[in-house]
mmCIF file of all heavy atoms, coordinates in Angstrom:
data_MODEL
# 
_entry.id   MODEL 
# 
loop_
_atom_site.group_PDB 
_atom_site.id 
_atom_site.type_symbol 
_atom_site.label_atom_id 
_atom_site.label_alt_id 
_atom_site.label_comp_id 
_atom_site.label_asym_id 
_atom_site.label_entity_id 
_atom_site.label_seq_id 
_atom_site.pdbx_PDB_ins_code 
_atom_site.Cartn_x 
_atom_site.Cartn_y 
_atom_site.Cartn_z 
_atom_site.occupancy 
_atom_site.B_iso_or_equiv 
_atom_site.pdbx_formal_charge 
_atom_site.auth_seq_id 
_atom_site.auth_comp_id 
_atom_site.auth_asym_id 
_atom_site.auth_atom_id 
_atom_site.pdbx_PDB_model_num 
ATOM 1   N N   . ALA A 1 1  ? 104.790 31.738 69.947 1.00 0.00 ? 1  ALA A N   1 
ATOM 2   C CA  . ALA A 1 1  ? 103.586 32.473 69.683 1.00 0.00 ? 1  ALA A CA  1 
ATOM 3   C C   . ALA A 1 1  ? 102.377 31.557 69.512 1.00 0.00 ? 1  ALA A C   1 
ATOM 4   O O   . ALA A 1 1  ? 101.285 31.877 69.977 1.00 0.00 ? 1  ALA A O   1 
ATOM 5   C CB  . ALA A 1 1  ? 103.776 33.281 68.425 1.00 0.00 ? 1  ALA A CB  1 
ATOM 6   N N   . ALA A 1 2  ? 102.576 30.397 68.876 1.00 0.00 ? 2  ALA A N   1 
ATOM 7   C CA  . ALA A 1 2  ? 101.474 29.441 68.768 1.00 0.00 ? 2  ALA A CA  1 
ATOM 8   C C   . ALA A 1 2  ? 100.980 28.991 70.071 1.00 0.00 ? 2  ALA A C   1 
ATOM 9   O O   . ALA A 1 2  ? 99.774  28.903 70.364 1.00 0.00 ? 2  ALA A O   1 
ATOM 10  C CB  . ALA A 1 2  ? 101.900 28.251 67.907 1.00 0.00 ? 2  ALA A CB  1 
ATOM 11  N N   . TYR A 1 3  ? 101.861 28.625 71.022 1.00 0.00 ? 3  TYR A N   1 
ATOM 12  C CA  . TYR A 1 3  ? 101.483 28.261 72.374 1.00 0.00 ? 3  TYR A CA  1 
ATOM 13  C C   . TYR A 1 3  ? 100.704 29.343 73.061 1.00 0.00 ? 3  TYR A C   1 
ATOM 14  O O   . TYR A 1 3  ? 99.637  29.086 73.679 1.00 0.00 ? 3  TYR A O   1 
ATOM 15  C CB  . TYR A 1 3  ? 102.765 27.884 73.207 1.00 0.00 ? 3  TYR A CB  1 
ATOM 16  C CG  . TYR A 1 3  ? 102.513 27.441 74.575 1.00 0.00 ? 3  TYR A CG  1 
ATOM 17  C CD1 . TYR A 1 3  ? 102.298 26.153 74.938 1.00 0.00 ? 3  TYR A CD1 1 
ATOM 18  C CD2 . TYR A 1 3  ? 102.409 28.413 75.637 1.00 0.00 ? 3  TYR A CD2 1 
ATOM 19  C CE1 . TYR A 1 3  ? 102.035 25.774 76.256 1.00 0.00 ? 3  TYR A CE1 1 
ATOM 20  C CE2 . TYR A 1 3  ? 102.189 28.045 76.934 1.00 0.00 ? 3  TYR A CE2 1 
ATOM 21  C CZ  . TYR A 1 3  ? 101.971 26.679 77.231 1.00 0.00 ? 3  TYR A CZ  1 
ATOM 22  O OH  . TYR A 1 3  ? 101.684 26.304 78.519 1.00 0.00 ? 3  TYR A OH  1 
ATOM 23  N N   . ARG A 1 4  ? 101.167 30.597 72.991 1.00 0.00 ? 4  ARG A N   1 
ATOM 24  C CA  . ARG A 1 4  ? 100.546 31.685 73.665 1.00 0.00 ? 4  ARG A CA  1 
ATOM 25  C C   . ARG A 1 4  ? 99.122  31.953 73.074 1.00 0.00 ? 4  ARG A C   1 
ATOM 26  O O   . ARG A 1 4  ? 98.188  32.272 73.780 1.00 0.00 ? 4  ARG A O   1 
ATOM 27  C CB  . ARG A 1 4  ? 101.354 32.922 73.587 1.00 0.00 ? 4  ARG A CB  1 
ATOM 28  C CG  . ARG A 1 4  ? 102.672 32.892 74.454 1.00 0.00 ? 4  ARG A CG  1 
ATOM 29  C CD  . ARG A 1 4  ? 102.345 32.639 75.852 1.00 0.00 ? 4  ARG A CD  1 
ATOM 30  N NE  . ARG A 1 4  ? 103.510 32.842 76.756 1.00 0.00 ? 4  ARG A NE  1 
ATOM 31  C CZ  . ARG A 1 4  ? 103.572 32.372 77.985 1.00 0.00 ? 4  ARG A CZ  1 
ATOM 32  N NH1 . ARG A 1 4  ? 102.555 31.800 78.482 1.00 0.00 ? 4  ARG A NH1 1 
ATOM 33  N NH2 . ARG A 1 4  ? 104.697 32.613 78.709 1.00 0.00 ? 4  ARG A NH2 1 
ATOM 34  N N   . ILE A 1 5  ? 99.025  31.829 71.733 1.00 0.00 ? 5  ILE A N   1 
ATOM 35  C CA  . ILE A 1 5  ? 97.709  32.089 71.103 1.00 0.00 ? 5  ILE A CA  1 
ATOM 36  C C   . ILE A 1 5  ? 96.696  31.024 71.538 1.00 0.00 ? 5  ILE A C   1 
ATOM 37  O O   . ILE A 1 5  ? 95.555  31.342 71.915 1.00 0.00 ? 5  ILE A O   1 
ATOM 38  C CB  . ILE A 1 5  ? 97.866  32.124 69.574 1.00 0.00 ? 5  ILE A CB  1 
ATOM 39  C CG1 . ILE A 1 5  ? 98.619  33.370 69.133 1.00 0.00 ? 5  ILE A CG1 1 
ATOM 40  C CG2 . ILE A 1 5  ? 96.561  32.039 68.872 1.00 0.00 ? 5  ILE A CG2 1 
ATOM 41  C CD1 . ILE A 1 5  ? 98.973  33.422 67.689 1.00 0.00 ? 5  ILE A CD1 1 
ATOM 42  N N   . VAL A 1 6  ? 97.127  29.751 71.544 1.00 0.00 ? 6  VAL A N   1 
ATOM 43  C CA  . VAL A 1 6  ? 96.177  28.687 72.035 1.00 0.00 ? 6  VAL A CA  1 
ATOM 44  C C   . VAL A 1 6  ? 95.871  28.933 73.511 1.00 0.00 ? 6  VAL A C   1 
ATOM 45  O O   . VAL A 1 6  ? 94.698  28.788 73.936 1.00 0.00 ? 6  VAL A O   1 
ATOM 46  C CB  . VAL A 1 6  ? 96.837  27.330 71.832 1.00 0.00 ? 6  VAL A CB  1 
ATOM 47  C CG1 . VAL A 1 6  ? 95.976  26.196 72.494 1.00 0.00 ? 6  VAL A CG1 1 
ATOM 48  C CG2 . VAL A 1 6  ? 97.009  27.034 70.366 1.00 0.00 ? 6  VAL A CG2 1 
ATOM 49  N N   . GLN A 1 7  ? 96.862  29.316 74.307 1.00 0.00 ? 7  GLN A N   1 
ATOM 50  C CA  . GLN A 1 7  ? 96.614  29.524 75.750 1.00 0.00 ? 7  GLN A CA  1 
ATOM 51  C C   . GLN A 1 7  ? 95.608  30.679 75.889 1.00 0.00 ? 7  GLN A C   1 
ATOM 52  O O   . GLN A 1 7  ? 94.665  30.559 76.702 1.00 0.00 ? 7  GLN A O   1 
ATOM 53  C CB  . GLN A 1 7  ? 97.910  29.937 76.432 1.00 0.00 ? 7  GLN A CB  1 
ATOM 54  C CG  . GLN A 1 7  ? 97.814  30.125 77.898 1.00 0.00 ? 7  GLN A CG  1 
ATOM 55  C CD  . GLN A 1 7  ? 99.152  30.554 78.496 1.00 0.00 ? 7  GLN A CD  1 
ATOM 56  O OE1 . GLN A 1 7  ? 99.702  31.517 78.068 1.00 0.00 ? 7  GLN A OE1 1 
ATOM 57  N NE2 . GLN A 1 7  ? 99.621  29.843 79.515 1.00 0.00 ? 7  GLN A NE2 1 
ATOM 58  N N   . GLU A 1 8  ? 95.756  31.759 75.178 1.00 0.00 ? 8  GLU A N   1 
ATOM 59  C CA  . GLU A 1 8  ? 94.857  32.904 75.355 1.00 0.00 ? 8  GLU A CA  1 
ATOM 60  C C   . GLU A 1 8  ? 93.425  32.554 74.820 1.00 0.00 ? 8  GLU A C   1 
ATOM 61  O O   . GLU A 1 8  ? 92.448  32.945 75.435 1.00 0.00 ? 8  GLU A O   1 
ATOM 62  C CB  . GLU A 1 8  ? 95.419  34.128 74.599 1.00 0.00 ? 8  GLU A CB  1 
ATOM 63  C CG  . GLU A 1 8  ? 94.535  35.378 74.752 1.00 0.00 ? 8  GLU A CG  1 
ATOM 64  C CD  . GLU A 1 8  ? 94.382  35.843 76.133 1.00 0.00 ? 8  GLU A CD  1 
ATOM 65  O OE1 . GLU A 1 8  ? 95.336  35.620 76.963 1.00 0.00 ? 8  GLU A OE1 1 
ATOM 66  O OE2 . GLU A 1 8  ? 93.388  36.490 76.460 1.00 0.00 ? 8  GLU A OE2 1 
ATOM 67  N N   . ALA A 1 9  ? 93.410  31.796 73.688 1.00 0.00 ? 9  ALA A N   1 
ATOM 68  C CA  . ALA A 1 9  ? 92.052  31.427 73.191 1.00 0.00 ? 9  ALA A CA  1 
ATOM 69  C C   . ALA A 1 9  ? 91.332  30.521 74.194 1.00 0.00 ? 9  ALA A C   1 
ATOM 70  O O   . ALA A 1 9  ? 90.085  30.706 74.435 1.00 0.00 ? 9  ALA A O   1 
ATOM 71  C CB  . ALA A 1 9  ? 92.260  30.684 71.838 1.00 0.00 ? 9  ALA A CB  1 
ATOM 72  N N   . LEU A 1 10 ? 92.034  29.551 74.792 1.00 0.00 ? 10 LEU A N   1 
ATOM 73  C CA  . LEU A 1 10 ? 91.381  28.688 75.811 1.00 0.00 ? 10 LEU A CA  1 
ATOM 74  C C   . LEU A 1 10 ? 90.987  29.529 77.020 1.00 0.00 ? 10 LEU A C   1 
ATOM 75  O O   . LEU A 1 10 ? 89.926  29.252 77.664 1.00 0.00 ? 10 LEU A O   1 
ATOM 76  C CB  . LEU A 1 10 ? 92.317  27.580 76.207 1.00 0.00 ? 10 LEU A CB  1 
ATOM 77  C CG  . LEU A 1 10 ? 92.611  26.545 75.108 1.00 0.00 ? 10 LEU A CG  1 
ATOM 78  C CD1 . LEU A 1 10 ? 93.627  25.480 75.642 1.00 0.00 ? 10 LEU A CD1 1 
ATOM 79  C CD2 . LEU A 1 10 ? 91.296  25.836 74.687 1.00 0.00 ? 10 LEU A CD2 1 
ATOM 80  N N   . THR A 1 11 ? 91.814  30.541 77.378 1.00 0.00 ? 11 THR A N   1 
ATOM 81  C CA  . THR A 1 11 ? 91.436  31.417 78.506 1.00 0.00 ? 11 THR A CA  1 
ATOM 82  C C   . THR A 1 11 ? 90.169  32.134 78.213 1.00 0.00 ? 11 THR A C   1 
ATOM 83  O O   . THR A 1 11 ? 89.299  32.264 79.063 1.00 0.00 ? 11 THR A O   1 
ATOM 84  C CB  . THR A 1 11 ? 92.588  32.425 78.777 1.00 0.00 ? 11 THR A CB  1 
ATOM 85  O OG1 . THR A 1 11 ? 93.781  31.683 79.088 1.00 0.00 ? 11 THR A OG1 1 
ATOM 86  C CG2 . THR A 1 11 ? 92.235  33.319 79.936 1.00 0.00 ? 11 THR A CG2 1 
ATOM 87  N N   . ASN A 1 12 ? 89.995  32.596 76.977 1.00 0.00 ? 12 ASN A N   1 
ATOM 88  C CA  . ASN A 1 12 ? 88.747  33.301 76.629 1.00 0.00 ? 12 ASN A CA  1 
ATOM 89  C C   . ASN A 1 12 ? 87.564  32.365 76.677 1.00 0.00 ? 12 ASN A C   1 
ATOM 90  O O   . ASN A 1 12 ? 86.491  32.796 77.150 1.00 0.00 ? 12 ASN A O   1 
ATOM 91  C CB  . ASN A 1 12 ? 88.891  33.872 75.198 1.00 0.00 ? 12 ASN A CB  1 
ATOM 92  C CG  . ASN A 1 12 ? 89.709  35.149 75.190 1.00 0.00 ? 12 ASN A CG  1 
ATOM 93  O OD1 . ASN A 1 12 ? 90.070  35.701 76.200 1.00 0.00 ? 12 ASN A OD1 1 
ATOM 94  N ND2 . ASN A 1 12 ? 89.974  35.643 73.986 1.00 0.00 ? 12 ASN A ND2 1 
ATOM 95  N N   . VAL A 1 13 ? 87.749  31.122 76.228 1.00 0.00 ? 13 VAL A N   1 
ATOM 96  C CA  . VAL A 1 13 ? 86.671  30.178 76.283 1.00 0.00 ? 13 VAL A CA  1 
ATOM 97  C C   . VAL A 1 13 ? 86.202  29.950 77.782 1.00 0.00 ? 13 VAL A C   1 
ATOM 98  O O   . VAL A 1 13 ? 85.048  29.974 78.098 1.00 0.00 ? 13 VAL A O   1 
ATOM 99  C CB  . VAL A 1 13 ? 87.048  28.838 75.664 1.00 0.00 ? 13 VAL A CB  1 
ATOM 100 C CG1 . VAL A 1 13 ? 85.973  27.787 75.856 1.00 0.00 ? 13 VAL A CG1 1 
ATOM 101 C CG2 . VAL A 1 13 ? 87.290  29.077 74.143 1.00 0.00 ? 13 VAL A CG2 1 
ATOM 102 N N   . ARG A 1 14 ? 87.218  29.700 78.647 1.00 0.00 ? 14 ARG A N   1 
ATOM 103 C CA  . ARG A 1 14 ? 86.928  29.410 79.985 1.00 0.00 ? 14 ARG A CA  1 
ATOM 104 C C   . ARG A 1 14 ? 86.355  30.716 80.724 1.00 0.00 ? 14 ARG A C   1 
ATOM 105 O O   . ARG A 1 14 ? 85.470  30.638 81.539 1.00 0.00 ? 14 ARG A O   1 
ATOM 106 C CB  . ARG A 1 14 ? 88.172  28.956 80.713 1.00 0.00 ? 14 ARG A CB  1 
ATOM 107 C CG  . ARG A 1 14 ? 87.925  28.561 82.197 1.00 0.00 ? 14 ARG A CG  1 
ATOM 108 C CD  . ARG A 1 14 ? 89.184  27.984 82.812 1.00 0.00 ? 14 ARG A CD  1 
ATOM 109 N NE  . ARG A 1 14 ? 90.299  28.941 82.763 1.00 0.00 ? 14 ARG A NE  1 
ATOM 110 C CZ  . ARG A 1 14 ? 91.400  28.821 82.029 1.00 0.00 ? 14 ARG A CZ  1 
ATOM 111 N NH1 . ARG A 1 14 ? 91.546  27.776 81.223 1.00 0.00 ? 14 ARG A NH1 1 
ATOM 112 N NH2 . ARG A 1 14 ? 92.351  29.722 82.067 1.00 0.00 ? 14 ARG A NH2 1 
ATOM 113 N N   . ARG A 1 15 ? 86.890  31.880 80.424 1.00 0.00 ? 15 ARG A N   1 
ATOM 114 C CA  . ARG A 1 15 ? 86.478  33.080 81.074 1.00 0.00 ? 15 ARG A CA  1 
ATOM 115 C C   . ARG A 1 15 ? 85.049  33.421 80.735 1.00 0.00 ? 15 ARG A C   1 
ATOM 116 O O   . ARG A 1 15 ? 84.301  33.951 81.579 1.00 0.00 ? 15 ARG A O   1 
ATOM 117 C CB  . ARG A 1 15 ? 87.424  34.223 80.661 1.00 0.00 ? 15 ARG A CB  1 
ATOM 118 C CG  . ARG A 1 15 ? 87.115  35.570 81.329 1.00 0.00 ? 15 ARG A CG  1 
ATOM 119 C CD  . ARG A 1 15 ? 88.039  36.687 80.810 1.00 0.00 ? 15 ARG A CD  1 
ATOM 120 N NE  . ARG A 1 15 ? 89.383  36.332 81.123 1.00 0.00 ? 15 ARG A NE  1 
ATOM 121 C CZ  . ARG A 1 15 ? 90.452  36.612 80.367 1.00 0.00 ? 15 ARG A CZ  1 
ATOM 122 N NH1 . ARG A 1 15 ? 90.221  37.160 79.163 1.00 0.00 ? 15 ARG A NH1 1 
ATOM 123 N NH2 . ARG A 1 15 ? 91.659  36.348 80.770 1.00 0.00 ? 15 ARG A NH2 1 
ATOM 124 N N   . HIS A 1 16 ? 84.663  33.197 79.525 1.00 0.00 ? 16 HIS A N   1 
ATOM 125 C CA  . HIS A 1 16 ? 83.312  33.572 79.097 1.00 0.00 ? 16 HIS A CA  1 
ATOM 126 C C   . HIS A 1 16 ? 82.334  32.408 79.081 1.00 0.00 ? 16 HIS A C   1 
ATOM 127 O O   . HIS A 1 16 ? 81.284  32.438 78.405 1.00 0.00 ? 16 HIS A O   1 
ATOM 128 C CB  . HIS A 1 16 ? 83.346  34.216 77.703 1.00 0.00 ? 16 HIS A CB  1 
ATOM 129 C CG  . HIS A 1 16 ? 84.266  35.398 77.653 1.00 0.00 ? 16 HIS A CG  1 
ATOM 130 N ND1 . HIS A 1 16 ? 84.042  36.536 78.367 1.00 0.00 ? 16 HIS A ND1 1 
ATOM 131 C CD2 . HIS A 1 16 ? 85.426  35.592 76.938 1.00 0.00 ? 16 HIS A CD2 1 
ATOM 132 C CE1 . HIS A 1 16 ? 84.991  37.422 78.110 1.00 0.00 ? 16 HIS A CE1 1 
ATOM 133 N NE2 . HIS A 1 16 ? 85.869  36.859 77.256 1.00 0.00 ? 16 HIS A NE2 1 
ATOM 134 N N   . ALA A 1 17 ? 82.702  31.357 79.824 1.00 0.00 ? 17 ALA A N   1 
ATOM 135 C CA  . ALA A 1 17 ? 81.781  30.191 79.904 1.00 0.00 ? 17 ALA A CA  1 
ATOM 136 C C   . ALA A 1 17 ? 80.665  30.498 80.911 1.00 0.00 ? 17 ALA A C   1 
ATOM 137 O O   . ALA A 1 17 ? 80.709  30.020 82.025 1.00 0.00 ? 17 ALA A O   1 
ATOM 138 C CB  . ALA A 1 17 ? 82.520  28.932 80.323 1.00 0.00 ? 17 ALA A CB  1 
ATOM 139 N N   . GLY A 1 18 ? 79.728  31.322 80.473 1.00 0.00 ? 18 GLY A N   1 
ATOM 140 C CA  . GLY A 1 18 ? 78.645  31.647 81.377 1.00 0.00 ? 18 GLY A CA  1 
ATOM 141 C C   . GLY A 1 18 ? 77.288  31.343 80.835 1.00 0.00 ? 18 GLY A C   1 
ATOM 142 O O   . GLY A 1 18 ? 76.249  31.821 81.375 1.00 0.00 ? 18 GLY A O   1 
ATOM 143 N N   . GLY A 1 19 ? 77.240  30.591 79.700 1.00 0.00 ? 19 GLY A N   1 
ATOM 144 C CA  . GLY A 1 19 ? 75.959  30.289 79.092 1.00 0.00 ? 19 GLY A CA  1 
ATOM 145 C C   . GLY A 1 19 ? 75.245  29.133 79.752 1.00 0.00 ? 19 GLY A C   1 
ATOM 146 O O   . GLY A 1 19 ? 75.693  28.593 80.742 1.00 0.00 ? 19 GLY A O   1 
ATOM 147 N N   . PRO A 1 20 ? 74.130  28.711 79.140 1.00 0.00 ? 20 PRO A N   1 
ATOM 148 C CA  . PRO A 1 20 ? 73.348  27.621 79.708 1.00 0.00 ? 20 PRO A CA  1 
ATOM 149 C C   . PRO A 1 20 ? 73.986  26.263 79.595 1.00 0.00 ? 20 PRO A C   1 
ATOM 150 O O   . PRO A 1 20 ? 73.751  25.337 80.332 1.00 0.00 ? 20 PRO A O   1 
ATOM 151 C CB  . PRO A 1 20 ? 72.051  27.691 78.952 1.00 0.00 ? 20 PRO A CB  1 
ATOM 152 C CG  . PRO A 1 20 ? 72.398  28.367 77.652 1.00 0.00 ? 20 PRO A CG  1 
ATOM 153 C CD  . PRO A 1 20 ? 73.483  29.301 77.942 1.00 0.00 ? 20 PRO A CD  1 
ATOM 154 N N   . GLY A 1 21 ? 74.867  26.031 78.577 1.00 0.00 ? 21 GLY A N   1 
ATOM 155 C CA  . GLY A 1 21 ? 75.484  24.717 78.372 1.00 0.00 ? 21 GLY A CA  1 
ATOM 156 C C   . GLY A 1 21 ? 76.896  24.636 78.884 1.00 0.00 ? 21 GLY A C   1 
ATOM 157 O O   . GLY A 1 21 ? 77.498  25.693 79.302 1.00 0.00 ? 21 GLY A O   1 
ATOM 158 N N   . PRO A 1 22 ? 77.493  23.467 78.941 1.00 0.00 ? 22 PRO A N   1 
ATOM 159 C CA  . PRO A 1 22 ? 78.834  23.346 79.431 1.00 0.00 ? 22 PRO A CA  1 
ATOM 160 C C   . PRO A 1 22 ? 79.870  23.898 78.432 1.00 0.00 ? 22 PRO A C   1 
ATOM 161 O O   . PRO A 1 22 ? 79.619  23.842 77.150 1.00 0.00 ? 22 PRO A O   1 
ATOM 162 C CB  . PRO A 1 22 ? 79.026  21.793 79.588 1.00 0.00 ? 22 PRO A CB  1 
ATOM 163 C CG  . PRO A 1 22 ? 78.063  21.256 78.539 1.00 0.00 ? 22 PRO A CG  1 
ATOM 164 C CD  . PRO A 1 22 ? 76.897  22.220 78.529 1.00 0.00 ? 22 PRO A CD  1 
ATOM 165 N N   . ALA A 1 23 ? 80.965  24.418 78.950 1.00 0.00 ? 23 ALA A N   1 
ATOM 166 C CA  . ALA A 1 23 ? 82.026  24.926 78.085 1.00 0.00 ? 23 ALA A CA  1 
ATOM 167 C C   . ALA A 1 23 ? 82.914  23.805 77.615 1.00 0.00 ? 23 ALA A C   1 
ATOM 168 O O   . ALA A 1 23 ? 83.232  22.876 78.375 1.00 0.00 ? 23 ALA A O   1 
ATOM 169 C CB  . ALA A 1 23 ? 82.881  25.919 78.859 1.00 0.00 ? 23 ALA A CB  1 
ATOM 170 N N   . ALA A 1 24 ? 83.287  23.841 76.346 1.00 0.00 ? 24 ALA A N   1 
ATOM 171 C CA  . ALA A 1 24 ? 84.184  22.882 75.751 1.00 0.00 ? 24 ALA A CA  1 
ATOM 172 C C   . ALA A 1 24 ? 84.880  23.511 74.520 1.00 0.00 ? 24 ALA A C   1 
ATOM 173 O O   . ALA A 1 24 ? 84.378  24.487 73.958 1.00 0.00 ? 24 ALA A O   1 
ATOM 174 C CB  . ALA A 1 24 ? 83.392  21.634 75.303 1.00 0.00 ? 24 ALA A CB  1 
ATOM 175 N N   . ALA A 1 25 ? 86.032  22.968 74.178 1.00 0.00 ? 25 ALA A N   1 
ATOM 176 C CA  . ALA A 1 25 ? 86.796  23.576 73.119 1.00 0.00 ? 25 ALA A CA  1 
ATOM 177 C C   . ALA A 1 25 ? 87.474  22.497 72.255 1.00 0.00 ? 25 ALA A C   1 
ATOM 178 O O   . ALA A 1 25 ? 87.723  21.377 72.775 1.00 0.00 ? 25 ALA A O   1 
ATOM 179 C CB  . ALA A 1 25 ? 87.841  24.571 73.663 1.00 0.00 ? 25 ALA A CB  1 
ATOM 180 N N   . GLN A 1 26 ? 87.803  22.862 71.067 1.00 0.00 ? 26 GLN A N   1 
ATOM 181 C CA  . GLN A 1 26 ? 88.606  21.999 70.177 1.00 0.00 ? 26 GLN A CA  1 
ATOM 182 C C   . GLN A 1 26 ? 89.737  22.824 69.610 1.00 0.00 ? 26 GLN A C   1 
ATOM 183 O O   . GLN A 1 26 ? 89.565  23.891 69.079 1.00 0.00 ? 26 GLN A O   1 
ATOM 184 C CB  . GLN A 1 26 ? 87.750  21.464 69.026 1.00 0.00 ? 26 GLN A CB  1 
ATOM 185 C CG  . GLN A 1 26 ? 88.598  20.660 68.005 1.00 0.00 ? 26 GLN A CG  1 
ATOM 186 C CD  . GLN A 1 26 ? 87.779  20.098 66.826 1.00 0.00 ? 26 GLN A CD  1 
ATOM 187 O OE1 . GLN A 1 26 ? 86.743  19.411 67.085 1.00 0.00 ? 26 GLN A OE1 1 
ATOM 188 N NE2 . GLN A 1 26 ? 88.210  20.350 65.642 1.00 0.00 ? 26 GLN A NE2 1 
# 
């Protein structure tokens, strides 16, 4: 479950990376 949650959270970050700045995550 931890792996899947991190995977989905990163997917959301990448999917919604449409702003003026570069997408990045921690």
